[in-house]
Protein backbone atom coordinates (compact mmCIF):
# COMPACT_ATOMS: atom_id res chain seq x y z
CA UNK A 1 -8.66 3.35 17.64
CA UNK A 2 -7.18 2.63 14.47
CA UNK A 3 -7.51 5.65 11.96
CA UNK A 4 -6.03 5.43 8.42
CA UNK A 5 -6.03 9.34 8.30
CA UNK A 6 -4.48 9.71 11.63
CA UNK A 7 -1.78 7.36 10.73
CA UNK A 8 -1.16 8.62 7.37
CA UNK A 9 -0.68 12.42 8.80
CA UNK A 10 1.74 10.90 11.39
CA UNK A 11 3.80 9.05 8.84
CA UNK A 12 4.22 12.32 6.69
CA UNK A 13 5.15 14.44 9.87
CA UNK A 14 7.84 11.83 10.87
CA UNK A 15 9.18 12.10 7.42
CA UNK A 16 9.36 15.46 7.42
CA UNK A 17 10.59 16.10 10.89
CA UNK A 18 13.38 13.55 10.18
CA UNK A 19 14.18 14.35 6.57
CA UNK A 20 17.09 16.35 7.27
CA UNK A 21 18.76 14.02 10.07
CA UNK A 22 21.26 11.65 8.40
CA UNK A 23 23.40 9.07 9.59
CA UNK A 24 27.30 9.39 8.89
CA UNK A 25 28.45 7.50 5.79
CA UNK A 26 29.94 5.10 8.34
CA UNK A 27 26.62 3.84 9.52
CA UNK A 28 25.69 2.92 6.04
CA UNK A 29 26.34 -0.38 4.32
CA UNK A 30 26.07 -1.38 0.61
CA UNK A 31 23.28 -3.81 0.53
CA UNK A 32 22.31 -6.81 -1.64
CA UNK A 33 20.86 -6.78 -4.96
CA UNK A 34 17.24 -7.60 -4.28
CA UNK A 35 14.27 -8.58 -6.17
CA UNK A 36 11.79 -5.37 -6.60
CA UNK A 37 8.21 -4.97 -6.24
CA UNK A 38 6.52 -2.96 -8.85
CA UNK A 39 3.22 -0.86 -8.63
CA UNK A 40 1.71 0.04 -11.96
CA UNK A 41 -0.85 3.06 -11.72
CA UNK A 42 -3.94 3.18 -14.15
CA UNK A 43 -5.36 6.45 -13.34
CA UNK A 44 -8.82 6.37 -15.33
CA UNK A 45 -11.98 6.00 -13.92
CA UNK A 46 -15.50 5.91 -15.39
CA UNK A 47 -16.88 8.27 -12.53
CA UNK A 48 -15.27 9.81 -9.44
CA UNK A 49 -16.18 8.41 -5.94
CA UNK A 50 -17.20 11.16 -3.24
CA UNK A 51 -14.42 9.94 -0.85
CA UNK A 52 -11.62 9.61 -3.27
CA UNK A 53 -8.62 11.69 -3.34
CA UNK A 54 -6.51 9.49 -5.34
CA UNK A 55 -4.63 10.75 -8.47
CA UNK A 56 -7.63 9.69 -10.75
CA UNK A 57 -9.25 10.99 -14.12
CA UNK A 58 -12.63 10.62 -15.74
CA UNK A 59 -11.41 10.05 -19.28
CA UNK A 60 -12.58 7.69 -22.10
CA UNK A 61 -9.27 5.76 -23.28
CA UNK A 62 -9.01 4.23 -26.59
CA UNK A 63 -6.63 1.35 -27.75
CA UNK A 64 -4.16 3.74 -29.33
CA UNK A 65 -3.82 5.75 -26.12
CA UNK A 66 -3.37 2.48 -24.10
CA UNK A 67 -0.44 1.61 -26.56
CA UNK A 68 1.25 4.93 -25.78
CA UNK A 69 0.76 4.58 -22.13
CA UNK A 70 2.25 0.89 -22.11
CA UNK A 71 5.23 2.20 -24.45
CA UNK A 72 5.72 4.96 -21.77
CA UNK A 73 5.60 2.46 -18.85
CA UNK A 74 8.03 -0.10 -20.19
CA UNK A 75 10.33 3.02 -21.17
CA UNK A 76 10.17 4.38 -17.60
CA UNK A 77 10.53 0.80 -16.26
CA UNK A 78 13.58 0.14 -18.06
CA UNK A 79 15.28 3.36 -16.72
CA UNK A 80 14.12 2.54 -13.27
CA UNK A 81 14.98 -1.04 -13.10
CA UNK A 82 18.47 0.13 -14.35
CA UNK A 83 18.67 2.57 -11.71
CA UNK A 84 17.66 0.30 -9.12
CA UNK A 85 20.29 -2.49 -10.04
CA UNK A 86 17.14 -5.02 -9.52
CA UNK A 87 17.75 -8.19 -11.29
CA UNK A 88 14.34 -9.96 -10.46
CA UNK A 89 10.57 -8.81 -9.93
CA UNK A 90 9.01 -9.80 -6.59
CA UNK A 91 5.63 -8.83 -7.58
CA UNK A 92 3.57 -6.77 -9.80
CA UNK A 93 0.45 -4.73 -8.64
CA UNK A 94 -1.95 -2.88 -10.94
CA UNK A 95 -3.81 -0.15 -9.14
CA UNK A 96 -5.72 3.20 -9.89
CA UNK A 97 -8.04 4.45 -10.69
CA UNK A 98 -9.67 1.33 -12.22
CA UNK A 99 -7.13 -0.90 -13.79
CA UNK A 100 -10.17 -3.28 -14.75
CA UNK A 101 -11.14 -0.85 -17.31
CA UNK A 102 -8.37 -1.30 -19.53
CA UNK A 103 -8.01 -4.12 -22.12
CA UNK A 104 -6.64 -7.73 -20.98
CA UNK A 105 -3.93 -7.25 -24.01
CA UNK A 106 -2.78 -4.19 -22.53
CA UNK A 107 -1.95 -6.11 -19.10
CA UNK A 108 -0.23 -8.54 -21.05
CA UNK A 109 1.92 -6.26 -22.78
CA UNK A 110 3.09 -4.61 -19.61
CA UNK A 111 3.68 -8.11 -17.67
CA UNK A 112 5.66 -9.41 -20.93
CA UNK A 113 7.59 -6.39 -21.10
CA UNK A 114 8.35 -6.08 -17.58
CA UNK A 115 9.43 -9.67 -17.94
CA UNK A 116 12.04 -8.54 -20.36
CA UNK A 117 13.68 -6.29 -18.46
CA UNK A 118 14.23 -8.26 -14.99
CA UNK A 119 13.45 -12.24 -14.18
CA UNK A 120 9.87 -12.46 -13.45
CA UNK A 121 9.21 -15.86 -11.69
CA UNK A 122 6.10 -17.89 -12.96
CA UNK A 123 5.13 -17.88 -9.38
CA UNK A 124 5.43 -14.23 -8.92
CA UNK A 125 2.31 -12.57 -7.36
CA UNK A 126 0.63 -10.47 -10.03
CA UNK A 127 -2.45 -8.58 -8.66
CA UNK A 128 -5.16 -6.49 -10.38
CA UNK A 129 -7.55 -4.13 -8.50
CA UNK A 130 -11.13 -4.74 -10.19
CA UNK A 131 -14.29 -2.98 -9.96
CA UNK A 132 -17.61 -5.08 -10.36
CA UNK A 133 -18.99 -2.82 -13.18
CA UNK A 134 -15.90 -3.44 -15.45
CA UNK A 135 -15.29 -7.16 -14.75
CA UNK A 136 -17.33 -9.56 -16.79
CA UNK A 137 -16.72 -13.39 -16.52
CA UNK A 138 -14.91 -13.31 -19.98
CA UNK A 139 -12.81 -10.30 -19.10
CA UNK A 140 -11.69 -11.82 -15.82
CA UNK A 141 -10.90 -15.03 -17.72
CA UNK A 142 -8.79 -12.79 -20.24
CA UNK A 143 -6.86 -10.86 -17.32
CA UNK A 144 -5.74 -14.48 -15.79
CA UNK A 145 -4.63 -15.54 -19.23
CA UNK A 146 -2.69 -12.54 -19.70
CA UNK A 147 -0.72 -13.45 -16.47
CA UNK A 148 -2.75 -11.82 -13.48
CA UNK A 149 -3.02 -14.50 -10.78
CA UNK A 150 -4.71 -12.45 -8.00
CA UNK A 151 -7.85 -10.22 -7.88
CA UNK A 152 -8.68 -7.43 -5.23
CA UNK A 153 -12.12 -6.62 -5.79
CA UNK A 154 -13.28 -3.20 -4.88
CA UNK A 155 -16.80 -4.25 -3.45
CA UNK A 156 -16.62 -1.32 -0.52
CA UNK A 157 -20.35 -1.90 0.41
CA UNK A 158 -23.26 -4.46 0.32
CA UNK A 159 -25.86 -1.77 0.27
CA UNK A 160 -27.02 -0.05 -2.61
CA UNK A 161 -28.05 3.32 -0.94
CA UNK A 162 -24.45 3.60 0.68
CA UNK A 163 -23.13 2.57 -2.90
CA UNK A 164 -24.94 5.44 -4.22
CA UNK A 165 -23.84 7.78 -1.54
CA UNK A 166 -20.27 7.08 -2.21
CA UNK A 167 -21.00 7.34 -6.01
CA UNK A 168 -19.76 3.66 -6.94
CA UNK A 169 -20.90 2.66 -10.37
CA UNK A 170 -21.96 -0.92 -9.22
CA UNK A 171 -24.91 -2.28 -7.17
CA UNK A 172 -25.02 -5.07 -4.62
CA UNK A 173 -26.26 -7.48 -7.00
CA UNK A 174 -22.99 -6.49 -9.53
CA UNK A 175 -21.06 -7.35 -6.60
CA UNK A 176 -22.44 -10.62 -5.63
CA UNK A 177 -22.32 -11.90 -9.18
CA UNK A 178 -18.58 -10.47 -9.90
CA UNK A 179 -17.49 -12.19 -6.32
CA UNK A 180 -18.79 -15.55 -7.69
CA UNK A 181 -16.96 -15.39 -11.01
CA UNK A 182 -13.71 -14.06 -9.33
CA UNK A 183 -13.64 -16.90 -6.84
CA UNK A 184 -14.30 -19.50 -9.79
CA UNK A 185 -11.59 -18.16 -11.92
CA UNK A 186 -8.87 -17.08 -8.91
CA UNK A 187 -9.74 -19.59 -6.24
CA UNK A 188 -7.72 -18.62 -3.25
CA UNK A 189 -6.67 -15.60 -4.61
CA UNK A 190 -9.52 -13.14 -4.37
CA UNK A 191 -9.69 -10.44 -2.07
CA UNK A 192 -12.75 -8.36 -1.42
CA UNK A 193 -12.03 -4.67 -0.29
CA UNK A 194 -14.73 -3.44 2.10
CA UNK A 195 -15.24 0.18 3.83
CA UNK A 196 -16.89 0.49 7.32
CA UNK A 197 -17.67 3.56 9.45
CA UNK A 198 -19.69 4.94 6.42
CA UNK A 199 -21.86 7.97 6.86
CA UNK A 200 -25.16 6.83 8.52
CA UNK A 201 -23.91 3.25 9.23
CA UNK A 202 -24.70 1.75 12.35
CA UNK A 203 -23.14 -0.99 14.47
CA UNK A 204 -26.02 -3.42 13.87
CA UNK A 205 -25.99 -2.77 10.25
CA UNK A 206 -22.21 -3.22 10.06
CA UNK A 207 -22.62 -6.75 11.66
CA UNK A 208 -25.20 -7.92 9.34
CA UNK A 209 -23.34 -6.73 6.18
CA UNK A 210 -19.67 -7.98 7.51
CA UNK A 211 -21.54 -11.56 8.41
CA UNK A 212 -22.66 -11.62 4.66
CA UNK A 213 -19.08 -10.50 3.47
CA UNK A 214 -17.50 -13.46 5.77
CA UNK A 215 -19.92 -15.79 4.18
CA UNK A 216 -19.07 -14.57 0.58
CA UNK A 217 -15.11 -14.42 0.88
CA UNK A 218 -12.97 -17.45 0.54
CA UNK A 219 -9.79 -16.23 1.14
CA UNK A 220 -8.81 -12.70 1.79
CA UNK A 221 -10.70 -9.38 3.03
CA UNK A 222 -8.95 -5.96 3.13
CA UNK A 223 -11.05 -3.83 5.69
CA UNK A 224 -10.75 -0.02 5.76
CA UNK A 225 -12.16 2.66 7.79
CA UNK A 226 -13.61 5.32 5.57
CA UNK A 227 -11.58 8.36 5.77
CA UNK A 228 -13.35 11.77 5.24
CA UNK A 229 -10.58 13.41 2.74
CA UNK A 230 -10.60 17.14 2.60
CA UNK A 231 -12.04 18.95 -0.21
CA UNK A 232 -13.97 15.64 -1.46
CA UNK A 233 -17.45 15.62 -2.30
CA UNK A 234 -18.24 13.67 0.93
CA UNK A 235 -16.37 15.66 3.07
CA UNK A 236 -18.14 18.82 2.12
CA UNK A 237 -21.57 16.79 2.75
CA UNK A 238 -20.11 15.87 6.42
CA UNK A 239 -18.84 19.48 6.85
CA UNK A 240 -22.28 20.92 5.99
CA UNK A 241 -23.74 18.66 8.82
CA UNK A 242 -26.17 16.66 6.19
CA UNK A 243 -24.30 13.65 6.55
CA UNK A 244 -23.81 11.89 10.21
CA UNK A 245 -20.61 10.00 10.98
CA UNK A 246 -19.77 7.24 13.59
CA UNK A 247 -18.37 8.42 16.79
CA UNK A 248 -14.68 7.11 17.65
CA UNK A 249 -16.32 4.53 20.13
CA UNK A 250 -18.52 3.29 17.44
CA UNK A 251 -15.78 3.03 15.02
CA UNK A 252 -13.65 0.85 17.51
CA UNK A 253 -16.55 -1.36 18.20
CA UNK A 254 -17.06 -1.79 14.26
CA UNK A 255 -13.26 -2.85 14.15
CA UNK A 256 -13.28 -5.09 17.23
CA UNK A 257 -16.44 -6.84 15.65
CA UNK A 258 -14.57 -7.35 12.24
CA UNK A 259 -11.53 -8.92 14.11
CA UNK A 260 -13.88 -11.45 15.95
CA UNK A 261 -16.27 -12.05 12.64
CA UNK A 262 -13.54 -12.81 10.32
CA UNK A 263 -11.37 -14.95 12.73
CA UNK A 264 -14.35 -17.03 13.41
CA UNK A 265 -14.29 -17.75 9.70
CA UNK A 266 -10.43 -18.76 9.63
CA UNK A 267 -9.58 -15.32 8.22
CA UNK A 268 -6.76 -14.24 10.49
CA UNK A 269 -5.72 -10.54 10.94
CA UNK A 270 -2.16 -10.31 9.57
CA UNK A 271 -1.92 -6.38 9.26
CA UNK A 272 -4.27 -3.88 10.47
CA UNK A 273 -6.41 -3.94 7.48
CA UNK A 274 -5.79 -7.14 5.96
CA UNK A 275 -7.37 -10.59 6.92
CA UNK A 276 -6.64 -13.96 5.28
CA UNK A 277 -6.61 -17.66 5.25
CA UNK A 278 -3.33 -19.02 6.35
CA UNK A 279 -1.06 -19.29 3.03
CA UNK A 280 -3.38 -16.63 1.20
CA UNK A 281 -1.75 -13.46 2.48
CA UNK A 282 -0.91 -10.89 -0.29
CA UNK A 283 2.53 -10.55 -1.13
CA UNK A 284 3.12 -7.43 -2.74
CA UNK A 285 2.21 -4.92 0.21
CA UNK A 286 5.07 -6.79 2.29
CA UNK A 287 7.56 -4.76 0.41
CA UNK A 288 6.04 -1.47 1.56
CA UNK A 289 5.62 -2.76 5.21
CA UNK A 290 9.12 -4.29 5.73
CA UNK A 291 11.62 -1.98 3.87
CA UNK A 292 11.78 -3.88 0.36
CA UNK A 293 12.36 -1.95 -2.79
CA UNK A 294 9.73 -1.07 -4.91
CA UNK A 295 9.23 0.78 -8.05
CA UNK A 296 6.34 3.10 -9.10
CA UNK A 297 5.12 2.80 -13.02
CA UNK A 298 2.52 5.21 -14.31
CA UNK A 299 0.96 8.67 -13.57
CA UNK A 300 1.45 9.84 -10.02
CA UNK A 301 2.84 6.64 -8.67
CA UNK A 302 5.54 6.36 -5.78
CA UNK A 303 8.46 4.20 -5.51
CA UNK A 304 11.25 3.74 -2.89
CA UNK A 305 14.64 1.94 -3.63
CA UNK A 306 18.36 2.59 -3.94
CA UNK A 307 19.42 4.36 -6.97
CA UNK A 308 22.77 3.45 -8.69
CA UNK A 309 25.08 6.85 -8.69
CA UNK A 310 24.71 7.35 -12.13
CA UNK A 311 20.99 7.93 -11.87
CA UNK A 312 21.35 10.01 -8.91
CA UNK A 313 21.74 13.23 -10.70
CA UNK A 314 18.81 13.08 -12.86
CA UNK A 315 16.41 13.70 -9.80
CA UNK A 316 18.47 14.95 -6.99
CA UNK A 317 21.52 16.90 -6.27
CA UNK A 318 23.04 14.09 -3.97
CA UNK A 319 26.73 13.39 -4.92
CA UNK A 320 27.89 10.18 -3.27
CA UNK A 321 29.89 6.78 -4.73
CA UNK A 322 27.10 5.01 -2.80
CA UNK A 323 23.76 4.07 -3.86
CA UNK A 324 21.17 5.75 -1.97
CA UNK A 325 17.47 5.31 -0.69
CA UNK A 326 15.00 7.52 -2.77
CA UNK A 327 11.46 8.14 -2.61
CA UNK A 328 10.69 8.86 -6.27
CA UNK A 329 7.21 10.48 -7.39
CA UNK A 330 6.09 10.47 -11.09
CA UNK A 331 4.32 12.99 -12.72
CA UNK A 332 0.71 13.07 -11.59
CA UNK A 333 -1.28 14.24 -15.04
CA UNK A 334 -1.01 11.58 -17.40
CA UNK A 335 -0.51 13.41 -20.40
CA UNK A 336 2.13 15.37 -19.04
CA UNK A 337 3.79 12.09 -17.61
CA UNK A 338 4.06 10.54 -21.13
CA UNK A 339 5.45 13.62 -22.57
CA UNK A 340 8.25 13.65 -19.72
CA UNK A 341 9.14 10.01 -20.30
CA UNK A 342 9.18 10.60 -24.20
CA UNK A 343 11.58 13.57 -23.72
CA UNK A 344 14.04 12.15 -20.75
CA UNK A 345 13.47 8.39 -20.91
CA UNK A 346 11.67 8.73 -17.32
CA UNK A 347 8.58 10.39 -15.54
CA UNK A 348 9.81 11.37 -12.03
CA UNK A 349 8.46 14.62 -10.88
CA UNK A 350 10.88 14.34 -7.80
CA UNK A 351 13.09 12.12 -6.27
CA UNK A 352 13.73 12.63 -2.50
CA UNK A 353 17.12 11.15 -0.87
CA UNK A 354 16.15 9.39 2.23
CA UNK A 355 18.54 9.13 5.19
CA UNK A 356 18.97 6.17 6.87
CA UNK A 357 16.72 7.23 9.49
CA UNK A 358 13.97 8.12 7.31
CA UNK A 359 13.94 4.46 5.86
CA UNK A 360 13.96 3.44 9.42
CA UNK A 361 11.55 5.25 10.66
CA UNK A 362 9.28 4.37 7.62
CA UNK A 363 9.86 0.54 8.17
CA UNK A 364 8.96 0.92 11.96
CA UNK A 365 5.83 2.59 11.40
CA UNK A 366 4.61 0.04 8.65
CA UNK A 367 5.78 -3.21 10.29
CA UNK A 368 4.32 -2.38 13.65
CA UNK A 369 0.70 -2.10 11.90
CA UNK A 370 1.32 -6.09 11.12
CA UNK A 371 0.77 -8.62 13.56
CA UNK A 372 4.32 -10.15 13.10
CA UNK A 373 5.85 -6.82 13.57
CA UNK A 374 9.43 -5.84 12.87
CA UNK A 375 11.51 -9.02 13.03
CA UNK A 376 15.42 -9.17 13.94
CA UNK A 377 16.24 -10.36 10.23
CA UNK A 378 14.57 -7.19 8.66
CA UNK A 379 16.33 -4.92 10.99
CA UNK A 380 19.53 -6.31 10.21
CA UNK A 381 18.84 -6.31 6.65
CA UNK A 382 18.51 -2.04 6.99
CA UNK A 383 22.04 -2.06 8.08
CA UNK A 384 21.56 -0.36 11.20
CA UNK A 385 24.76 -0.92 13.53
CA UNK A 386 22.78 -1.53 16.83
CA UNK A 387 20.15 -4.23 17.23
CA UNK A 388 16.57 -4.12 18.28
CA UNK A 389 17.23 -4.67 21.98
CA UNK A 390 19.98 -1.95 21.84
CA UNK A 391 17.87 0.43 20.51
CA UNK A 392 14.53 -0.26 22.26
CA UNK A 393 14.97 -1.72 25.60
CA UNK A 394 15.80 1.64 26.92
CA UNK A 395 12.58 3.24 25.70
CA UNK A 396 10.39 0.28 26.85
CA UNK A 397 12.16 0.69 30.64
CA UNK A 398 11.73 4.47 30.56
CA UNK A 399 8.16 4.35 29.28
CA UNK A 400 6.92 1.34 31.07
CA UNK A 401 3.58 2.85 32.18
CA UNK A 402 2.64 3.39 28.69
CA UNK A 403 4.39 0.48 26.71
CA UNK A 404 4.26 -2.39 29.10
CA UNK A 405 2.15 -5.32 27.74
CA UNK A 406 1.55 -3.32 24.71
CA UNK A 407 4.98 -3.64 22.95
CA UNK A 408 6.83 -6.73 23.13
CA UNK A 409 10.62 -7.16 22.24
CA UNK A 410 11.88 -10.90 22.53
CA UNK A 411 13.69 -13.36 20.14
CA UNK A 412 11.20 -12.85 17.51
CA UNK A 413 11.60 -9.07 17.36
CA UNK A 414 9.60 -6.01 18.23
CA UNK A 415 5.79 -6.11 17.92
CA UNK A 416 2.56 -4.78 19.41
CA UNK A 417 0.25 -6.80 21.27
CA UNK A 418 -2.73 -8.02 19.26
CA UNK A 419 -5.06 -5.68 21.21
CA UNK A 420 -2.71 -2.82 20.97
CA UNK A 421 -2.46 -2.48 16.97
CA UNK A 422 -5.57 -0.70 16.82
CA UNK A 423 -4.16 2.15 19.12
CA UNK A 424 -0.71 2.11 17.34
CA UNK A 425 -1.29 5.75 16.67
CA UNK A 426 -0.51 6.47 20.30
CA UNK A 427 2.55 4.19 20.85
CA UNK A 428 4.67 4.90 17.74
CA UNK A 429 5.68 8.20 18.66
CA UNK A 430 7.46 6.95 21.67
CA UNK A 431 9.28 4.40 19.84
CA UNK A 432 10.38 6.74 17.06
CA UNK A 433 11.49 9.14 19.63
CA UNK A 434 13.83 6.55 20.92
CA UNK A 435 15.29 5.52 17.65
CA UNK A 436 15.80 9.12 16.97
CA UNK A 437 17.74 9.53 20.18
CA UNK A 438 19.75 6.34 19.73
CA UNK A 439 20.90 7.61 16.17
CA UNK A 440 21.76 11.19 17.35
CA UNK A 441 24.12 9.19 20.14
CA UNK A 442 25.56 6.70 17.69
CA UNK A 443 26.32 9.11 14.85
CA UNK A 444 25.95 12.61 15.83
CA UNK A 445 25.26 15.13 13.03
């Protein structure tokens, strides 16, 4: 069964386990200058959802504070874009928090400012997460005029009692009204975010709700199993026994029904949590999935890109003449982040040098949660000196009882069968171990 929390834990475990294993310099290859995706984190919310453990703050933000944030974001963006060597921006994604709380003029200032730092094509995808409670018809139109061309609407549930349980600040009617506005203003570019396996939710109630979602949504649905995160108010309620949660089998049935229901409406799954009409797939997340560079701006944002040697000493002890892949994390608290940017020109709390194996493992994990999987072209772009067949054919032969029929390797690349994406958690460790063994043989440390 697909589990967001388990996938995340395994991903972090893999990164920790393999962080000390680096391929020799001879295995690395200086890469192209590539367009960079940019994630902008707006960390402010009106209230805290009971399930959320993101970097967020309940705080009133006035126009002057927004101007200061924009100034710092663009100052940090200048530093990071220069460090990455990027000349083009592939996409921009405003996430949070609740970015629809900020003024359209703030969004416009960030977009135009980024466009002065690197080339931003008129066709580039610019997405904004929005909540129904902070998205009026006029405000959505103003976001569009500011440059936003895609909306991700946080519906989460079409059930008022569940919305109250999750401490969402909108109602079912708010969602229905905002969906209509979004799809009128952003036709073919509106995504609905919906959660399943909510406490107390049954399979039959989920089926009725998702059928309504599928009739409302024109082009894209992002579907997430609710993760009970430690130390959240919802986790405390579940741990106390006051809230029932669905068992593994029920969650699996919910997910399978979602695939069938959405596909019957023409929304094909292209990643474990994402369904779209052909041509309406979101572009920004592909940078995360397929090992392309992305920059994180704003408090607590994450980024992964190759840093120019002249910028490496600012956040790591790496001493090399080559550009190295780094995972950078921004200072989380907004005021402290702004102080860091104003004092030093950039807002990172830490930057970790990624070994070549780190990057390969990350891309292997994330790409195999997509229906397309890991292509030969993507693998070659990661500059590993052996092809997919050389690395993974031995694994498929040795683990045939587990992997046969579930993992496919052909002229298209490496991918999981459609049915096996839901159980990727149990298959990925075999493939990751095979890659580790091949790396150690090819470039022993």
